[in-house]
Protein backbone atom coordinates (compact mmCIF):
# COMPACT_ATOMS: atom_id res chain seq x y z
CA MET A 1 111.92 117.98 89.43
CA GLU A 2 108.06 119.04 90.40
CA LEU A 3 106.90 118.95 86.87
CA LYS A 4 108.62 115.24 85.90
CA ARG A 5 106.70 113.73 89.17
CA ALA A 6 103.79 115.78 88.48
CA LEU A 7 103.44 114.04 84.86
CA GLU A 8 104.52 110.41 85.96
CA GLN A 9 101.37 110.37 87.52
CA MET A 10 99.10 111.16 84.99
CA TYR A 11 99.75 108.08 82.97
CA ARG A 12 97.05 106.41 81.37
CA ASN A 13 96.11 102.94 79.83
CA VAL A 14 95.32 103.45 75.97
CA ILE A 15 94.68 100.75 73.47
CA ASP A 16 96.26 101.86 70.27
CA LEU A 17 94.24 100.85 67.06
CA TYR A 18 95.88 99.79 63.66
CA ILE A 19 93.11 100.03 61.28
CA ASP A 20 94.51 98.63 57.94
CA GLY A 21 94.45 95.03 56.67
CA ALA A 22 91.75 92.91 55.47
CA GLY A 23 88.71 92.78 57.34
CA ASP A 24 86.39 90.34 59.18
CA GLU A 25 82.68 90.43 58.54
CA GLN A 26 81.63 87.91 60.53
CA ILE A 27 79.08 88.72 63.40
CA ALA A 28 80.18 91.11 66.19
CA VAL A 29 84.01 90.89 64.80
CA THR A 30 85.94 94.34 65.86
CA ARG A 31 86.44 95.90 62.45
CA PHE A 32 86.17 99.48 60.72
CA GLY A 33 82.90 99.75 58.48
CA GLY A 34 80.53 97.34 56.68
CA VAL A 35 77.18 97.16 58.01
CA PRO A 36 77.19 97.06 61.87
CA ASP A 37 75.90 94.23 63.96
CA VAL A 38 72.62 95.22 65.14
CA PRO A 39 69.46 94.01 67.41
CA LYS A 40 66.66 92.89 65.18
CA ASP A 41 64.78 96.26 66.64
CA PHE A 42 67.38 98.31 65.98
CA VAL A 43 66.32 101.57 64.81
CA TRP A 44 69.11 103.14 62.32
CA PRO A 45 70.51 106.45 63.96
CA VAL A 46 69.57 109.81 62.11
CA PHE A 47 70.73 113.40 63.42
CA GLU A 48 68.10 116.12 63.30
CA MET A 49 70.02 118.90 62.00
CA ALA A 50 68.52 122.19 62.87
CA GLY A 51 68.06 124.57 59.58
CA SER A 52 67.57 128.23 59.50
CA LYS A 53 64.91 130.28 60.64
CA GLU A 54 62.67 129.48 57.12
CA GLY A 55 64.51 126.05 56.53
CA PRO A 56 62.79 122.58 58.08
CA VAL A 57 64.61 120.62 60.37
CA LYS A 58 67.02 117.95 58.19
CA CYS A 59 66.92 114.41 59.56
CA LEU A 60 70.56 113.02 58.18
CA PRO A 61 71.17 109.11 58.69
CA LEU A 62 74.70 108.46 60.42
CA SER A 63 77.18 106.38 59.12
CA PHE A 64 78.54 103.47 60.68
CA LEU A 65 82.18 103.91 61.45
CA VAL A 66 83.41 101.10 63.77
CA GLN A 67 82.37 98.01 66.13
CA PHE A 68 84.44 96.82 69.00
CA ASN A 69 83.76 93.17 70.70
CA CYS A 70 84.42 93.99 74.62
CA ALA A 71 85.51 90.49 75.09
CA ASP A 72 88.19 90.37 72.67
CA ILE A 73 89.67 93.54 73.85
CA ALA A 74 88.98 93.38 77.52
CA GLU A 75 92.82 92.01 78.49
CA LEU A 76 93.76 95.40 77.15
CA ASP A 77 91.57 97.69 79.18
CA LYS A 78 94.27 97.45 81.88
CA GLU A 79 91.89 100.48 83.83
CA GLY A 80 88.77 98.27 83.60
CA LEU A 81 86.92 100.99 82.17
CA LEU A 82 85.11 99.50 79.14
CA PRO A 83 82.58 96.48 79.61
CA LYS A 84 83.64 93.09 79.86
CA SER A 85 81.42 91.84 77.05
CA GLY A 86 79.11 93.17 73.98
CA LEU A 87 79.77 95.14 71.35
CA LEU A 88 80.36 98.89 71.19
CA SER A 89 79.43 100.19 68.17
CA PHE A 90 80.11 104.06 67.18
CA PHE A 91 78.02 106.18 64.50
CA TYR A 92 78.92 109.57 63.13
CA GLU A 93 77.30 112.13 60.03
CA MET A 94 79.24 112.61 57.50
CA ASP A 95 77.54 114.96 55.52
CA SER A 96 77.54 117.67 57.98
CA GLN A 97 80.69 116.68 59.67
CA CYS A 98 79.59 118.51 62.97
CA TRP A 99 82.55 120.02 65.14
CA GLY A 100 80.69 119.91 68.48
CA PHE A 101 81.08 123.51 69.84
CA ASP A 102 77.22 124.03 69.32
CA PRO A 103 74.72 122.32 71.65
CA ARG A 104 72.75 121.66 68.86
CA ASP A 105 75.03 119.15 67.46
CA LYS A 106 73.69 116.85 70.02
CA GLY A 107 73.26 113.41 68.23
CA CYS A 108 75.47 114.08 65.68
CA ALA A 109 77.43 111.12 66.96
CA ARG A 110 76.01 107.82 68.45
CA VAL A 111 77.55 105.10 70.51
CA PHE A 112 75.38 101.74 70.90
CA TRP A 113 76.55 98.95 73.43
CA PHE A 114 74.91 95.80 72.66
CA GLU A 115 75.13 93.07 75.70
CA ASP A 116 73.67 90.19 74.04
CA VAL A 117 75.96 89.45 71.06
CA GLN A 118 74.50 85.98 70.18
CA ASN A 119 71.27 87.83 68.95
CA LEU A 120 72.93 90.49 66.67
CA VAL A 121 72.49 90.44 63.05
CA PRO A 122 73.90 92.63 59.81
CA ALA A 123 71.87 95.84 59.55
CA ASP A 124 70.67 97.41 56.33
CA PHE A 125 72.15 100.78 55.42
CA PRO A 126 69.18 103.18 55.01
CA ARG A 127 67.78 104.44 51.53
CA ASP A 128 68.85 107.49 52.17
CA LEU A 129 72.60 107.28 53.08
CA GLN A 130 74.78 108.16 50.65
CA GLU A 131 77.04 105.92 48.98
CA GLU A 132 79.57 107.86 50.04
CA PHE A 133 79.26 107.73 53.12
CA ARG A 134 78.77 103.77 53.10
CA PHE A 135 82.22 102.86 54.31
CA PRO A 136 84.32 98.98 53.40
CA VAL A 137 85.26 96.66 55.78
CA VAL A 138 88.89 97.07 57.24
CA GLY A 139 90.67 94.98 59.89
CA ILE A 140 91.61 96.52 63.20
CA THR A 141 94.01 95.04 65.51
CA ALA A 142 94.86 96.57 68.94
CA GLU A 143 97.70 96.61 71.65
CA ALA A 144 98.03 98.15 74.84
CA ASN A 145 100.36 101.04 75.97
CA ASP A 146 100.93 103.93 78.38
CA TYR A 147 100.24 107.34 77.52
CA LEU A 148 100.97 110.99 78.86
CA PRO A 149 98.69 113.90 77.90
CA ASP A 150 99.86 116.97 75.89
CA TRP A 151 100.55 119.99 76.79
CA GLN A 152 97.06 121.27 76.63
CA ASP A 153 95.65 118.75 78.75
CA PHE A 154 98.52 118.77 81.34
CA ALA A 155 98.54 122.74 81.56
CA THR A 156 94.70 122.72 82.17
CA ALA A 157 95.07 119.77 84.41
CA LYS A 158 98.14 121.26 86.39
CA LYS A 159 97.74 125.27 86.27
CA GLU A 160 100.85 125.68 88.02
CA PHE A 161 103.09 124.34 85.34
CA GLU A 162 101.34 126.66 82.81
CA HIS A 163 104.09 128.28 81.45
CA ASP A 164 106.08 125.61 81.33
CA TRP A 165 106.11 124.20 78.09
CA ASP A 166 109.81 123.70 77.21
CA GLN A 167 110.20 121.60 80.57
CA PHE A 168 107.44 119.90 79.77
CA GLU A 169 108.36 118.66 76.43
CA GLU A 170 111.83 117.85 77.63
CA GLU A 171 110.54 115.65 80.30
CA ARG A 172 107.78 114.15 78.08
CA ILE A 173 110.26 112.92 75.59
CA MET A 174 112.65 111.59 78.48
CA LEU A 175 109.51 109.41 79.51
CA GLY A 176 109.68 107.95 76.07
CA CYS A 177 106.45 109.44 75.43
CA GLU A 178 106.80 110.91 71.68
CA GLU A 179 104.09 111.75 69.71
CA ASP A 180 102.76 108.65 67.60
CA SER A 181 102.42 108.38 63.85
CA ASN A 182 99.14 105.93 64.76
CA ALA A 183 96.55 108.13 66.21
CA SER A 184 93.30 106.17 66.55
CA LYS A 185 92.76 104.32 69.94
CA LEU A 186 90.53 103.88 72.59
CA LEU A 187 90.69 105.60 76.58
CA GLY A 188 93.87 107.03 77.45
CA TRP A 189 94.66 111.16 76.68
CA PRO A 190 94.18 112.27 72.92
CA ASP A 191 96.55 113.86 70.61
CA VAL A 192 95.68 117.25 70.81
CA ILE A 193 95.32 119.15 67.10
CA GLN A 194 93.84 122.42 68.85
CA ASN A 195 93.11 122.89 72.62
CA ASN A 196 91.79 121.16 75.51
CA MET A 197 88.52 119.23 74.80
CA THR A 198 87.23 118.61 78.12
CA CYS A 199 86.30 122.19 78.98
CA GLU A 200 84.38 121.94 75.89
CA CYS A 201 82.45 118.81 76.31
CA GLU A 202 81.60 120.40 79.57
CA LEU A 203 80.45 123.57 78.74
CA VAL A 204 78.76 123.00 75.43
CA THR A 205 76.75 120.27 77.32
CA ARG A 206 75.80 122.56 79.82
CA GLY A 207 73.99 124.78 76.67
CA HIS A 208 77.06 127.28 75.84
CA TYR A 209 77.90 127.72 72.48
CA LEU A 210 81.32 128.07 71.93
CA GLY A 211 81.64 128.93 68.45
CA ASN A 212 82.63 132.38 68.95
CA THR A 213 84.23 133.97 72.22
CA TRP A 214 84.11 132.45 75.67
CA ASP A 215 82.44 136.11 76.81
CA GLU A 216 78.78 135.83 77.45
CA ILE A 217 79.30 131.92 79.40
CA PRO A 218 78.68 132.61 83.39
CA GLU A 219 82.33 132.88 85.04
CA ALA A 220 81.44 130.44 87.31
CA ASP A 221 80.66 127.67 84.55
CA ILE A 222 84.07 127.91 82.95
CA GLN A 223 86.01 127.91 86.03
CA TYR A 224 84.22 124.57 86.90
CA ALA A 225 85.35 123.33 83.73
CA LEU A 226 88.93 124.41 83.95
CA GLN A 227 89.08 122.85 87.54
CA ASN A 228 86.77 119.60 87.14
CA SER A 229 86.54 118.68 83.39
CA ILE A 230 90.07 117.14 82.96
CA ARG A 231 88.65 114.66 86.28
CA GLU A 232 85.48 114.14 85.09
CA TRP A 233 85.90 113.25 80.82
CA GLN A 234 87.29 110.51 79.77
CA MET A 235 88.32 110.37 76.08
CA LEU A 236 86.52 107.15 74.58
CA LEU A 237 87.43 106.75 71.09
CA GLN A 238 89.60 109.01 68.87
CA LEU A 239 89.71 108.27 65.16
CA ASP A 240 92.20 109.17 62.76
CA THR A 241 92.30 108.96 58.78
CA VAL A 242 91.61 105.57 57.53
CA GLU A 243 93.90 104.78 54.50
CA THR A 244 94.52 101.56 52.58
CA GLU A 245 95.48 100.80 48.90
CA ASP A 246 91.61 101.51 47.90
CA PHE A 247 90.21 103.59 50.25
CA GLY A 248 90.73 106.83 52.04
CA LEU A 249 88.67 108.72 55.51
CA MET A 250 89.76 111.89 56.14
CA PHE A 251 87.39 114.01 58.94
CA GLY A 252 88.06 117.72 57.63
CA ASP A 253 91.19 118.90 56.89
CA CYS A 254 93.69 116.07 58.26
CA GLY A 255 91.02 116.10 61.04
CA ARG A 256 90.64 113.53 63.98
CA LEU A 257 87.07 112.60 65.68
CA TYR A 258 86.77 112.83 69.74
CA PHE A 259 84.20 111.01 71.64
CA TYR A 260 84.42 111.88 74.75
CA ILE A 261 82.13 110.69 78.07
CA ARG A 262 82.28 111.33 81.60
CA LYS A 263 83.65 109.13 83.78
CA THR A 264 80.42 108.27 85.43
CA ASP A 265 78.40 107.52 82.81
CA LEU A 266 80.93 105.53 81.08
CA ALA A 267 80.59 103.91 84.41
CA GLU A 268 77.07 103.31 84.07
CA ARG A 269 77.39 102.36 80.62
CA ARG A 270 75.48 105.31 79.61
CA PHE A 271 77.21 105.64 76.23
CA ASP A 272 73.82 107.63 74.89
CA ARG A 273 75.54 111.00 76.74
CA VAL A 274 78.75 110.91 74.45
CA TRP A 275 79.71 113.83 73.08
CA LEU A 276 82.10 114.29 69.80
CA ILE A 277 84.55 116.62 68.79
CA LEU A 278 86.33 117.10 65.52
CA GLN A 279 89.67 118.83 65.43
CA CYS A 280 91.83 119.45 62.30
CA TYR A 281 94.70 121.03 61.23
């Protein structure tokens, strides 16, 4: 019963995204793909990918993924976390497809919030952005739901139950929160493929490389991440495979992109401080 009560207290509002059907190319409309709507002085983001000791730094243009008209989805944001107006736009560098476990991955994903939608114009793709990384317009419909964490996040947040996986799964199902085949969403809890990601976000943004073991990471930093990251970090966007009759986009091997942001940065609209994680099966 104690586990059930703990789980019930962890409901979060989520905005489920259904990316399919005909898209709308009007200015500042919520959509996947196409060209982003941006201010006239917008500079297309690039990822400065560190080369080898002998090689130069590569400047790779990011791909435009998706944009959201904040006013249109405001009523779905039951917790009031997102801006009430403006356009929120997400970019990711598709050629390298960084995973986010290296501090040098900073800049591989960007999020922009354009407050004034009245003065936005369609951008031009950079000449050096490969054709395969220019995506067609796909429509998005959205609906609000309540969602519970996966085991990895629950066990990170509630250490006292870290050995109670069987009971957790049973209670989660009894509460009506089975895994959803639709796995693109704004806010809420992530559908975790591998491990908890808030600890990873905390540690890598402190400058720690996580591609190997954590043996060389100071214990104080690890403990801080384990004890506080769930409370301090918020998933902003989870983007799953996009598939229509004539288009398909997959991240890694049936993976997902997760855009994370500290809750304080979200409240201050510091979308320049997002961190991206890629997980695959």
